[in-house]
N, C-alpha and C. Protein backbone atom coordinates (compact mmCIF):
# COMPACT_ATOMS: atom_id res chain seq x y z
N TYR A 1 13.24 3.85 8.99
CA TYR A 1 13.00 3.01 7.84
C TYR A 1 11.95 1.98 8.22
N SER A 2 11.16 1.59 7.25
CA SER A 2 10.18 0.53 7.51
C SER A 2 9.95 -0.29 6.25
N PHE A 3 9.54 -1.53 6.47
CA PHE A 3 9.26 -2.49 5.40
C PHE A 3 7.97 -3.22 5.78
N PHE A 4 6.96 -3.20 4.91
CA PHE A 4 5.69 -3.85 5.19
C PHE A 4 5.35 -4.86 4.10
N VAL A 5 4.75 -5.97 4.51
CA VAL A 5 4.22 -6.98 3.60
C VAL A 5 2.73 -7.09 3.92
N ASN A 6 1.89 -6.87 2.90
CA ASN A 6 0.44 -6.88 3.08
C ASN A 6 -0.21 -7.85 2.12
N GLY A 7 -1.41 -8.29 2.47
CA GLY A 7 -2.17 -9.17 1.60
C GLY A 7 -3.65 -9.02 1.85
N GLY A 8 -4.43 -9.60 0.96
CA GLY A 8 -5.88 -9.55 1.10
C GLY A 8 -6.54 -10.07 -0.15
N THR A 9 -7.84 -9.84 -0.25
CA THR A 9 -8.60 -10.21 -1.44
C THR A 9 -9.49 -9.04 -1.84
N LYS A 10 -9.95 -9.08 -3.08
CA LYS A 10 -10.85 -8.04 -3.57
C LYS A 10 -11.79 -8.62 -4.60
N THR A 11 -12.85 -7.88 -4.88
CA THR A 11 -13.75 -8.18 -5.99
C THR A 11 -13.62 -7.06 -7.01
N ARG A 12 -14.00 -7.34 -8.23
CA ARG A 12 -13.92 -6.31 -9.28
C ARG A 12 -15.10 -5.36 -9.23
N PHE A 13 -16.29 -5.89 -8.89
CA PHE A 13 -17.51 -5.10 -8.85
C PHE A 13 -18.23 -5.37 -7.55
N HIS A 14 -19.17 -4.53 -7.23
CA HIS A 14 -19.89 -4.64 -5.97
C HIS A 14 -20.59 -6.00 -5.80
N PHE A 15 -21.20 -6.50 -6.86
CA PHE A 15 -21.94 -7.76 -6.77
C PHE A 15 -21.17 -8.96 -7.29
N ASP A 16 -19.90 -8.79 -7.57
CA ASP A 16 -19.05 -9.86 -8.06
C ASP A 16 -18.79 -10.86 -6.93
N LYS A 17 -18.97 -12.15 -7.21
CA LYS A 17 -18.75 -13.17 -6.18
C LYS A 17 -17.33 -13.72 -6.20
N GLU A 18 -16.62 -13.52 -7.31
CA GLU A 18 -15.25 -14.02 -7.40
C GLU A 18 -14.30 -13.08 -6.67
N ARG A 19 -13.41 -13.66 -5.86
CA ARG A 19 -12.44 -12.87 -5.10
C ARG A 19 -11.06 -13.10 -5.70
N TYR A 20 -10.27 -12.03 -5.76
CA TYR A 20 -8.93 -12.07 -6.34
C TYR A 20 -7.91 -11.74 -5.26
N TYR A 21 -6.80 -12.43 -5.28
CA TYR A 21 -5.73 -12.19 -4.32
C TYR A 21 -4.98 -10.90 -4.67
N ILE A 22 -4.66 -10.12 -3.65
CA ILE A 22 -3.83 -8.93 -3.81
C ILE A 22 -2.73 -8.97 -2.75
N SER A 23 -1.64 -8.32 -3.05
CA SER A 23 -0.58 -8.17 -2.05
C SER A 23 0.24 -6.94 -2.39
N SER A 24 0.98 -6.47 -1.39
CA SER A 24 1.84 -5.31 -1.61
C SER A 24 3.07 -5.38 -0.72
N LEU A 25 4.14 -4.83 -1.23
CA LEU A 25 5.37 -4.63 -0.47
C LEU A 25 5.60 -3.12 -0.42
N ILE A 26 5.92 -2.62 0.76
CA ILE A 26 6.11 -1.19 0.95
C ILE A 26 7.46 -0.97 1.64
N ILE A 27 8.25 -0.06 1.10
CA ILE A 27 9.51 0.35 1.73
C ILE A 27 9.42 1.85 1.95
N ASN A 28 9.62 2.30 3.19
CA ASN A 28 9.51 3.71 3.55
C ASN A 28 10.79 4.24 4.17
N VAL A 29 11.04 5.50 3.93
CA VAL A 29 12.05 6.27 4.65
C VAL A 29 11.30 7.45 5.25
N GLU A 30 11.37 7.59 6.57
CA GLU A 30 10.58 8.62 7.24
C GLU A 30 11.43 9.39 8.24
N LYS A 31 11.02 10.62 8.48
CA LYS A 31 11.69 11.47 9.47
C LYS A 31 10.65 11.96 10.46
N ARG A 32 10.88 11.69 11.72
CA ARG A 32 9.99 12.19 12.77
C ARG A 32 10.41 13.61 13.09
N TYR A 33 9.49 14.54 12.93
CA TYR A 33 9.85 15.93 13.16
C TYR A 33 9.12 16.56 14.34
N SER A 34 8.24 15.82 15.00
CA SER A 34 7.65 16.28 16.25
C SER A 34 7.28 15.05 17.07
N ARG A 35 6.76 15.28 18.25
CA ARG A 35 6.42 14.18 19.14
C ARG A 35 5.32 13.30 18.55
N ILE A 36 4.45 13.88 17.72
CA ILE A 36 3.30 13.12 17.21
C ILE A 36 3.25 12.98 15.69
N ALA A 37 4.28 13.44 14.98
CA ALA A 37 4.17 13.40 13.51
C ALA A 37 5.49 13.02 12.85
N ARG A 38 5.37 12.36 11.72
CA ARG A 38 6.53 12.08 10.87
C ARG A 38 6.08 12.12 9.41
N ALA A 39 7.00 12.41 8.53
CA ALA A 39 6.73 12.48 7.10
C ALA A 39 7.81 11.69 6.38
N GLY A 40 7.48 11.22 5.18
CA GLY A 40 8.47 10.43 4.46
C GLY A 40 8.06 10.14 3.04
N ALA A 41 8.77 9.20 2.45
CA ALA A 41 8.52 8.78 1.08
C ALA A 41 8.86 7.29 0.99
N GLY A 42 8.34 6.66 -0.05
CA GLY A 42 8.61 5.24 -0.20
C GLY A 42 8.23 4.73 -1.57
N ILE A 43 8.46 3.43 -1.73
CA ILE A 43 8.12 2.75 -2.98
C ILE A 43 7.17 1.59 -2.65
N ASP A 44 6.32 1.27 -3.62
CA ASP A 44 5.33 0.21 -3.47
C ASP A 44 5.43 -0.75 -4.64
N LEU A 45 5.25 -2.02 -4.35
CA LEU A 45 5.10 -3.04 -5.38
C LEU A 45 3.79 -3.75 -5.08
N PHE A 46 2.86 -3.73 -6.03
CA PHE A 46 1.55 -4.34 -5.86
C PHE A 46 1.41 -5.53 -6.80
N TYR A 47 0.72 -6.58 -6.31
CA TYR A 47 0.25 -7.68 -7.15
C TYR A 47 -1.26 -7.65 -7.05
N ASP A 48 -1.95 -7.62 -8.18
CA ASP A 48 -3.40 -7.56 -8.20
C ASP A 48 -3.93 -8.59 -9.19
N GLY A 49 -4.46 -9.70 -8.67
CA GLY A 49 -4.96 -10.78 -9.51
C GLY A 49 -6.16 -10.41 -10.35
N SER A 50 -6.90 -9.36 -9.98
CA SER A 50 -8.09 -8.97 -10.74
C SER A 50 -7.73 -8.30 -12.07
N ILE A 51 -6.51 -7.86 -12.23
CA ILE A 51 -6.10 -7.20 -13.47
C ILE A 51 -6.20 -8.18 -14.64
N LYS A 52 -5.98 -9.47 -14.39
CA LYS A 52 -6.06 -10.46 -15.47
C LYS A 52 -7.45 -10.46 -16.10
N ALA A 53 -8.48 -10.49 -15.27
CA ALA A 53 -9.86 -10.48 -15.79
C ALA A 53 -10.15 -9.17 -16.52
N ASP A 54 -9.64 -8.06 -16.02
CA ASP A 54 -9.85 -6.77 -16.68
C ASP A 54 -9.16 -6.73 -18.05
N LEU A 55 -7.93 -7.21 -18.12
CA LEU A 55 -7.20 -7.21 -19.40
C LEU A 55 -7.83 -8.16 -20.41
N LEU A 56 -8.27 -9.33 -19.97
CA LEU A 56 -8.95 -10.26 -20.87
C LEU A 56 -10.27 -9.67 -21.35
N GLY A 57 -10.91 -8.88 -20.51
CA GLY A 57 -12.18 -8.24 -20.87
C GLY A 57 -12.04 -7.15 -21.92
N VAL A 58 -10.84 -6.57 -22.06
CA VAL A 58 -10.64 -5.53 -23.07
C VAL A 58 -9.91 -6.06 -24.30
N GLY A 59 -9.83 -7.40 -24.43
CA GLY A 59 -9.33 -7.98 -25.66
C GLY A 59 -7.91 -8.52 -25.65
N GLU A 60 -7.21 -8.48 -24.54
CA GLU A 60 -5.88 -9.08 -24.47
C GLU A 60 -6.01 -10.59 -24.62
N GLU A 61 -5.11 -11.18 -25.38
CA GLU A 61 -5.18 -12.63 -25.58
C GLU A 61 -4.42 -13.40 -24.51
N ARG A 62 -3.26 -12.89 -24.12
CA ARG A 62 -2.45 -13.54 -23.08
C ARG A 62 -2.07 -12.51 -22.04
N VAL A 63 -2.09 -12.91 -20.80
CA VAL A 63 -1.72 -12.04 -19.70
C VAL A 63 -0.60 -12.71 -18.93
N SER A 64 0.53 -12.03 -18.78
CA SER A 64 1.67 -12.59 -18.05
C SER A 64 1.64 -12.13 -16.59
N PHE A 65 2.50 -12.74 -15.80
CA PHE A 65 2.61 -12.36 -14.38
C PHE A 65 2.98 -10.89 -14.24
N ASN A 66 3.88 -10.39 -15.09
CA ASN A 66 4.29 -8.99 -15.02
C ASN A 66 3.15 -8.03 -15.27
N ASP A 67 2.14 -8.46 -16.03
CA ASP A 67 0.97 -7.62 -16.29
C ASP A 67 0.14 -7.40 -15.03
N LEU A 68 0.29 -8.27 -14.05
CA LEU A 68 -0.48 -8.18 -12.81
C LEU A 68 0.24 -7.36 -11.74
N LEU A 69 1.43 -6.87 -12.06
CA LEU A 69 2.22 -6.09 -11.10
C LEU A 69 2.07 -4.60 -11.37
N ARG A 70 2.16 -3.83 -10.29
CA ARG A 70 2.18 -2.37 -10.38
C ARG A 70 3.31 -1.88 -9.48
N PHE A 71 4.02 -0.88 -9.96
CA PHE A 71 5.12 -0.30 -9.21
C PHE A 71 4.85 1.19 -9.06
N GLY A 72 4.99 1.71 -7.84
CA GLY A 72 4.72 3.13 -7.62
C GLY A 72 5.59 3.71 -6.53
N ALA A 73 5.49 5.01 -6.38
CA ALA A 73 6.18 5.74 -5.32
C ALA A 73 5.15 6.61 -4.60
N HIS A 74 5.38 6.85 -3.32
CA HIS A 74 4.42 7.62 -2.54
C HIS A 74 5.10 8.56 -1.56
N GLY A 75 4.37 9.56 -1.15
CA GLY A 75 4.73 10.41 -0.02
C GLY A 75 3.83 10.02 1.13
N SER A 76 4.32 10.16 2.35
CA SER A 76 3.51 9.72 3.50
C SER A 76 3.56 10.74 4.63
N TYR A 77 2.50 10.70 5.43
CA TYR A 77 2.40 11.53 6.63
C TYR A 77 1.78 10.66 7.70
N ASP A 78 2.40 10.57 8.86
CA ASP A 78 1.91 9.74 9.95
C ASP A 78 1.63 10.58 11.18
N ILE A 79 0.53 10.26 11.85
CA ILE A 79 0.19 10.86 13.14
C ILE A 79 0.35 9.75 14.17
N ILE A 80 1.20 9.98 15.16
CA ILE A 80 1.56 8.95 16.14
C ILE A 80 0.80 9.21 17.44
N MET A 81 0.07 8.18 17.89
CA MET A 81 -0.70 8.27 19.13
C MET A 81 -0.33 7.08 20.01
N GLY A 82 0.76 7.19 20.75
CA GLY A 82 1.23 6.08 21.56
C GLY A 82 1.73 4.96 20.69
N ARG A 83 1.13 3.76 20.83
CA ARG A 83 1.53 2.62 20.02
C ARG A 83 0.77 2.53 18.70
N THR A 84 -0.20 3.43 18.48
CA THR A 84 -1.02 3.44 17.28
C THR A 84 -0.60 4.58 16.38
N THR A 85 -0.57 4.32 15.07
CA THR A 85 -0.20 5.33 14.08
C THR A 85 -1.26 5.40 13.00
N LEU A 86 -1.70 6.60 12.69
CA LEU A 86 -2.58 6.84 11.55
C LEU A 86 -1.68 7.24 10.39
N SER A 87 -1.75 6.50 9.28
CA SER A 87 -0.86 6.73 8.15
C SER A 87 -1.67 7.16 6.93
N ILE A 88 -1.19 8.20 6.25
CA ILE A 88 -1.82 8.71 5.03
C ILE A 88 -0.75 8.75 3.95
N GLN A 89 -1.04 8.16 2.80
CA GLN A 89 -0.06 8.13 1.71
C GLN A 89 -0.74 8.53 0.40
N LEU A 90 0.00 9.24 -0.43
CA LEU A 90 -0.45 9.59 -1.77
C LEU A 90 0.63 9.14 -2.73
N GLY A 91 0.25 8.33 -3.73
CA GLY A 91 1.25 7.74 -4.62
C GLY A 91 0.89 7.84 -6.08
N TYR A 92 1.85 7.42 -6.92
CA TYR A 92 1.70 7.45 -8.36
C TYR A 92 2.33 6.17 -8.93
N TYR A 93 1.59 5.48 -9.83
CA TYR A 93 2.12 4.29 -10.49
C TYR A 93 3.11 4.70 -11.58
N PHE A 94 4.32 4.18 -11.50
CA PHE A 94 5.29 4.37 -12.57
C PHE A 94 5.21 3.24 -13.59
N TYR A 95 4.70 2.09 -13.15
CA TYR A 95 4.54 0.96 -14.07
C TYR A 95 3.22 0.27 -13.75
N THR A 96 2.35 0.17 -14.72
CA THR A 96 1.13 -0.60 -14.62
C THR A 96 0.62 -0.90 -16.03
N GLU A 97 0.11 -2.10 -16.25
CA GLU A 97 -0.45 -2.46 -17.54
C GLU A 97 -1.92 -2.08 -17.66
N TYR A 98 -2.56 -1.80 -16.53
CA TYR A 98 -3.98 -1.49 -16.53
C TYR A 98 -4.24 -0.34 -15.58
N VAL A 99 -4.93 0.69 -16.06
CA VAL A 99 -5.26 1.86 -15.23
C VAL A 99 -6.76 1.83 -14.94
N ASP A 100 -7.12 1.75 -13.66
CA ASP A 100 -8.54 1.75 -13.27
C ASP A 100 -9.17 3.11 -13.58
N LEU A 101 -8.88 4.08 -12.76
CA LEU A 101 -9.40 5.44 -12.94
C LEU A 101 -8.28 6.43 -13.23
N THR A 102 -7.16 6.21 -12.58
CA THR A 102 -6.04 7.14 -12.66
C THR A 102 -4.76 6.41 -12.25
N LYS A 103 -3.62 7.00 -12.54
CA LYS A 103 -2.36 6.44 -12.07
C LYS A 103 -2.04 6.90 -10.64
N MET A 104 -2.84 7.79 -10.11
CA MET A 104 -2.66 8.23 -8.72
C MET A 104 -3.41 7.27 -7.79
N TYR A 105 -2.86 7.04 -6.61
CA TYR A 105 -3.53 6.22 -5.61
C TYR A 105 -3.28 6.79 -4.23
N SER A 106 -4.14 6.44 -3.31
CA SER A 106 -3.95 6.86 -1.92
C SER A 106 -4.14 5.66 -1.01
N ARG A 107 -3.58 5.77 0.17
CA ARG A 107 -3.69 4.71 1.16
C ARG A 107 -3.89 5.36 2.53
N PHE A 108 -4.92 4.90 3.23
CA PHE A 108 -5.20 5.35 4.58
C PHE A 108 -5.13 4.13 5.48
N GLY A 109 -4.34 4.21 6.54
CA GLY A 109 -4.17 3.02 7.34
C GLY A 109 -3.95 3.28 8.81
N LEU A 110 -4.10 2.21 9.57
CA LEU A 110 -3.78 2.19 10.99
C LEU A 110 -2.70 1.15 11.22
N ARG A 111 -1.73 1.54 12.01
CA ARG A 111 -0.65 0.62 12.38
C ARG A 111 -0.57 0.57 13.90
N TYR A 112 -0.28 -0.61 14.39
CA TYR A 112 -0.16 -0.79 15.83
C TYR A 112 1.15 -1.48 16.14
N SER A 113 1.93 -0.91 17.03
CA SER A 113 3.23 -1.46 17.40
C SER A 113 3.02 -2.66 18.33
N LEU A 114 3.35 -3.84 17.83
CA LEU A 114 3.21 -5.07 18.61
C LEU A 114 4.38 -5.24 19.58
N PHE A 115 5.57 -5.01 19.07
CA PHE A 115 6.80 -5.11 19.84
C PHE A 115 7.65 -3.90 19.48
N LYS A 116 8.89 -3.89 19.88
CA LYS A 116 9.75 -2.74 19.64
C LYS A 116 9.82 -2.35 18.17
N ASN A 117 10.02 -3.31 17.27
CA ASN A 117 10.18 -3.00 15.86
C ASN A 117 9.12 -3.62 14.95
N LEU A 118 8.20 -4.41 15.49
CA LEU A 118 7.21 -5.11 14.69
C LEU A 118 5.86 -4.41 14.79
N GLU A 119 5.22 -4.17 13.63
CA GLU A 119 3.94 -3.48 13.60
C GLU A 119 2.92 -4.26 12.79
N ALA A 120 1.66 -4.22 13.23
CA ALA A 120 0.54 -4.76 12.46
C ALA A 120 -0.07 -3.61 11.67
N ASN A 121 -0.60 -3.92 10.49
CA ASN A 121 -1.10 -2.88 9.60
C ASN A 121 -2.44 -3.28 9.00
N ILE A 122 -3.36 -2.34 8.94
CA ILE A 122 -4.58 -2.48 8.14
C ILE A 122 -4.75 -1.16 7.41
N SER A 123 -4.97 -1.23 6.10
CA SER A 123 -5.12 0.01 5.33
C SER A 123 -6.05 -0.21 4.15
N ILE A 124 -6.56 0.90 3.65
CA ILE A 124 -7.43 0.91 2.48
C ILE A 124 -6.70 1.65 1.37
N LYS A 125 -6.52 0.98 0.24
CA LYS A 125 -5.92 1.62 -0.93
C LYS A 125 -7.05 2.02 -1.85
N SER A 126 -6.96 3.22 -2.42
CA SER A 126 -8.03 3.71 -3.27
C SER A 126 -7.49 4.50 -4.45
N HIS A 127 -8.35 4.66 -5.45
CA HIS A 127 -8.11 5.55 -6.58
C HIS A 127 -9.21 6.60 -6.50
N TYR A 128 -8.82 7.85 -6.34
CA TYR A 128 -9.77 8.93 -6.04
C TYR A 128 -10.56 8.51 -4.82
N ALA A 129 -11.87 8.53 -4.87
CA ALA A 129 -12.69 8.16 -3.72
C ALA A 129 -13.21 6.73 -3.82
N LYS A 130 -12.70 5.95 -4.78
CA LYS A 130 -13.14 4.57 -4.97
C LYS A 130 -12.15 3.62 -4.32
N ALA A 131 -12.61 2.91 -3.28
CA ALA A 131 -11.75 1.95 -2.60
C ALA A 131 -11.38 0.83 -3.55
N ASP A 132 -10.10 0.47 -3.57
CA ASP A 132 -9.62 -0.63 -4.40
C ASP A 132 -9.60 -1.92 -3.59
N PHE A 133 -8.97 -1.89 -2.42
CA PHE A 133 -8.96 -3.06 -1.56
C PHE A 133 -8.50 -2.69 -0.16
N VAL A 134 -8.78 -3.60 0.77
CA VAL A 134 -8.30 -3.51 2.14
C VAL A 134 -7.12 -4.46 2.25
N GLU A 135 -6.02 -3.98 2.81
CA GLU A 135 -4.84 -4.84 2.96
C GLU A 135 -4.49 -4.99 4.44
N TRP A 136 -4.10 -6.19 4.79
CA TRP A 136 -3.69 -6.54 6.15
C TRP A 136 -2.23 -6.95 6.08
N GLY A 137 -1.44 -6.57 7.08
CA GLY A 137 -0.05 -6.98 7.00
C GLY A 137 0.75 -6.75 8.25
N LEU A 138 2.02 -7.07 8.11
CA LEU A 138 3.01 -6.88 9.17
C LEU A 138 4.16 -6.06 8.62
N GLY A 139 4.76 -5.30 9.51
CA GLY A 139 5.89 -4.48 9.09
C GLY A 139 6.99 -4.49 10.12
N TYR A 140 8.17 -4.15 9.66
CA TYR A 140 9.33 -4.06 10.52
C TYR A 140 9.89 -2.65 10.39
N ARG A 141 10.13 -1.99 11.50
CA ARG A 141 10.64 -0.62 11.52
C ARG A 141 11.99 -0.61 12.24
N TRP A 142 12.98 0.05 11.65
CA TRP A 142 14.27 0.22 12.31
C TRP A 142 14.71 1.66 12.16
N TYR A 143 15.65 2.05 13.00
CA TYR A 143 16.03 3.45 13.09
C TYR A 143 17.50 3.63 12.78
N SER A 144 17.79 4.67 12.04
CA SER A 144 19.17 5.05 11.77
C SER A 144 19.69 5.77 13.01
N LYS A 145 20.91 5.50 13.41
CA LYS A 145 21.48 6.19 14.56
C LYS A 145 21.54 7.69 14.33
N LYS A 146 21.79 8.07 13.08
CA LYS A 146 21.86 9.48 12.74
C LYS A 146 20.52 10.19 12.91
N TRP A 147 19.40 9.50 12.58
CA TRP A 147 18.09 10.12 12.59
C TRP A 147 17.28 9.81 13.84
N LYS A 148 17.77 8.90 14.69
CA LYS A 148 16.95 8.42 15.80
C LYS A 148 16.59 9.58 16.73
N ASN A 149 15.31 9.83 16.86
CA ASN A 149 14.83 10.85 17.81
C ASN A 149 13.53 10.41 18.44
N GLU A 150 13.34 9.11 18.57
CA GLU A 150 12.11 8.60 19.17
C GLU A 150 12.40 8.02 20.54
C-alpha cells in the first residue's frame, strides 16, 4: 500500500506568465510479482487552480472550490531498480467539471526510497501526449503481512 502527497505549479499556455497551484493525493494498492516489477491500482484526488480561469473563460459566472477538484482511478505498473522506481499509471476521471482534451490521463514518474517506508516522488501528469504539470511529493509505503514479498 502507498499514499503520496504531491504539489507544484502550472501555466495554462506556453507563454502564460501566471502560475497556478496544483496538488494531488494518491492511494495505491500494489502487488509485487517479480524481483523488479509490481502492478496495482489506485485512486487520485487532484486540485487544479487553473480550472477556475478556464471555466470563467467559457462563461461560468461563479466557480466553487469543488469545481477545481478532479477525482479519478488508475492502474499502475512499476519497475524497481534498487532504491529507485519507475512508475507508469493510466487513469480516468470519474468527476471533473472541466475536461482539457479527454477524461483519460497518464502519469510517468520516478520515486526514490529515502528511508524504509518514505519515498520522494517526481512525476509528469499528462492528457494524451500533452503534459499537464510536473508534481513533486512525498509518499509513505507499508506492507501487508499477507502480501509482503520484498
